[in-house]
Amino acid sequence: MLNIDHRSRVPIYEQIKNQILELVMLGVLEPHERLPSIRSLAKDLNLNVNTVKRAFSDLEAADVIYTGVGRGSFISEQARDNSFLKDKAREEIETAIKNGRSNGLSKDEIISIVDSLYGGSDEDDLRKGD
C-alpha cells in the first residue's frame, strides 16, 4: 500500500502521511475504510512503531482519520474536503514556487511542471468538461 524512500529528505512519517492523503484524494481510500493497524503497518514497512504512530496522530489531528478504541483507525467522512489540508498544501506550493523563482525557474517552466503533474492544461480540462 505504501512505499517508503529511506534516501529521501522527507521524513518517513511525512511520507506515510502524504501517501495516505494521496490515496484519500484519489478515492482509493474511502470514508470509514479501515487502515492497517499501526503495529502491522510498522512491521510491513520495517519501521519503528513510533514513526507510524506519529503519522497517524498527525492525520487524526487534521481530521483525516479517526480512531475507535480497540477497533482501529478509519478514514474520516470529511477527509477529502479538509480545508486544513488544502490550506497547508497551498502554503507548501507557494513556498515551492518562491524557491523555484529564486532559483531561476520562469513562470512558463513552473506552469509546465504543474501541467505535467496534472496531465495537461486547464484548456484541456475545459474541453473535456471537467
Protein backbone atom coordinates (compact mmCIF):
# COMPACT_ATOMS: atom_id res chain seq x y z
CA MET A 1 0.00 0.00 0.00
CA LEU A 2 2.77 2.46 0.93
CA ASN A 3 6.31 2.83 -0.34
CA ILE A 4 8.99 4.40 1.83
CA ASP A 5 12.07 6.02 0.33
CA HIS A 6 14.76 5.82 3.01
CA ARG A 7 17.05 8.07 0.94
CA SER A 8 14.51 10.87 0.69
CA ARG A 9 14.97 14.11 2.63
CA VAL A 10 11.27 13.92 3.52
CA PRO A 11 10.88 12.39 6.99
CA ILE A 12 9.39 8.90 6.95
CA TYR A 13 6.33 9.90 8.99
CA GLU A 14 5.65 12.67 6.42
CA GLN A 15 5.97 10.14 3.59
CA ILE A 16 3.36 7.96 5.31
CA LYS A 17 1.02 10.93 5.81
CA ASN A 18 1.46 12.17 2.25
CA GLN A 19 0.82 8.76 0.72
CA ILE A 20 -2.30 8.17 2.80
CA LEU A 21 -3.55 11.65 1.86
CA GLU A 22 -2.88 10.94 -1.81
CA LEU A 23 -4.79 7.64 -1.58
CA VAL A 24 -7.71 9.51 0.02
CA MET A 25 -7.69 12.25 -2.62
CA LEU A 26 -7.56 9.67 -5.43
CA GLY A 27 -10.51 7.82 -3.93
CA VAL A 28 -8.53 4.65 -3.28
CA LEU A 29 -9.28 5.01 0.43
CA GLU A 30 -12.95 5.75 1.08
CA PRO A 31 -14.62 7.25 4.17
CA HIS A 32 -14.91 4.78 7.07
CA GLU A 33 -12.44 2.39 5.43
CA ARG A 34 -10.22 0.74 8.00
CA LEU A 35 -6.48 1.38 7.83
CA PRO A 36 -3.91 -1.23 8.79
CA SER A 37 -3.03 -1.13 12.48
CA ILE A 38 -0.04 0.96 13.49
CA ARG A 39 1.85 -2.16 14.54
CA SER A 40 1.12 -4.13 11.38
CA LEU A 41 1.99 -1.19 9.13
CA ALA A 42 5.24 -0.64 11.04
CA LYS A 43 6.07 -4.33 10.67
CA ASP A 44 5.19 -4.40 6.95
CA LEU A 45 7.30 -1.30 6.26
CA ASN A 46 10.08 -2.36 8.63
CA LEU A 47 9.71 0.85 10.65
CA ASN A 48 9.62 1.85 14.28
CA VAL A 49 6.07 1.82 15.66
CA ASN A 50 6.51 5.40 16.92
CA THR A 51 7.17 6.64 13.37
CA VAL A 52 3.87 5.25 12.12
CA LYS A 53 2.11 6.40 15.28
CA ARG A 54 3.30 9.98 14.67
CA ALA A 55 1.94 9.90 11.10
CA PHE A 56 -1.42 8.58 12.31
CA SER A 57 -1.54 11.15 15.13
CA ASP A 58 -0.93 13.98 12.67
CA LEU A 59 -3.61 12.62 10.34
CA GLU A 60 -6.05 12.35 13.23
CA ALA A 61 -5.27 15.92 14.35
CA ALA A 62 -6.08 17.07 10.81
CA ASP A 63 -9.39 15.13 10.83
CA VAL A 64 -8.27 12.87 8.01
CA ILE A 65 -8.65 9.74 10.12
CA TYR A 66 -10.42 8.82 13.33
CA THR A 67 -9.64 6.09 15.80
CA GLY A 68 -12.09 3.83 17.57
CA VAL A 69 -10.72 2.46 20.83
CA GLY A 70 -10.00 -1.20 20.28
CA ARG A 71 -11.29 -1.04 16.69
CA GLY A 72 -8.51 0.71 14.78
CA SER A 73 -8.13 3.77 12.58
CA PHE A 74 -10.50 4.72 9.77
CA ILE A 75 -10.71 7.35 7.05
CA SER A 76 -12.96 10.19 8.21
CA GLU A 77 -16.06 11.32 6.36
CA GLN A 78 -14.60 14.78 5.65
CA ALA A 79 -11.09 13.63 4.72
CA ARG A 80 -11.37 14.71 1.05
CA ASP A 81 -12.91 18.10 1.85
CA ASN A 82 -10.50 19.02 4.61
CA SER A 83 -9.79 22.78 4.43
CA PHE A 84 -6.85 22.45 6.85
CA LEU A 85 -5.09 20.16 4.40
CA LYS A 86 -5.86 22.38 1.44
CA ASP A 87 -4.52 25.43 3.27
CA LYS A 88 -1.36 23.53 4.18
CA ALA A 89 -0.93 22.36 0.59
CA ARG A 90 -1.45 25.91 -0.68
CA GLU A 91 1.29 27.19 1.67
CA GLU A 92 3.68 24.44 0.56
CA ILE A 93 3.01 25.19 -3.11
CA GLU A 94 3.59 28.90 -2.57
CA THR A 95 6.90 28.16 -0.84
CA ALA A 96 7.96 25.80 -3.62
CA ILE A 97 7.10 28.36 -6.31
CA LYS A 98 9.01 31.10 -4.47
CA ASN A 99 12.00 28.76 -4.19
CA GLY A 100 11.74 27.89 -7.88
CA ARG A 101 11.61 31.57 -8.87
CA SER A 102 14.59 32.44 -6.70
CA ASN A 103 16.50 29.55 -8.29
CA GLY A 104 15.83 30.78 -11.81
CA LEU A 105 12.66 28.98 -12.94
CA SER A 106 10.45 31.07 -15.19
CA LYS A 107 6.67 31.26 -14.86
CA ASP A 108 6.32 29.15 -18.01
CA GLU A 109 8.64 26.48 -16.58
CA ILE A 110 6.64 26.37 -13.34
CA ILE A 111 3.37 26.13 -15.27
CA SER A 112 4.86 23.35 -17.38
CA ILE A 113 5.71 21.41 -14.21
CA VAL A 114 2.15 21.82 -12.92
CA ASP A 115 0.71 20.76 -16.28
CA SER A 116 2.89 17.65 -16.36
CA LEU A 117 1.79 16.69 -12.85
CA TYR A 118 -1.87 17.15 -13.68
CA GLY A 119 -1.58 15.62 -17.15
CA GLY A 120 -2.48 18.67 -19.22
CA SER A 121 -3.56 22.27 -19.15
CA ASP A 122 -6.77 23.94 -17.98
CA GLU A 123 -7.81 24.31 -21.61
CA ASP A 124 -7.65 20.53 -22.00
CA ASP A 125 -9.76 20.12 -18.85
CA LEU A 126 -12.35 22.62 -20.10
CA ARG A 127 -12.65 20.79 -23.42
CA LYS A 128 -13.25 17.53 -21.56
CA GLY A 129 -15.96 19.16 -19.44
CA ASP A 130 -14.06 18.77 -16.13
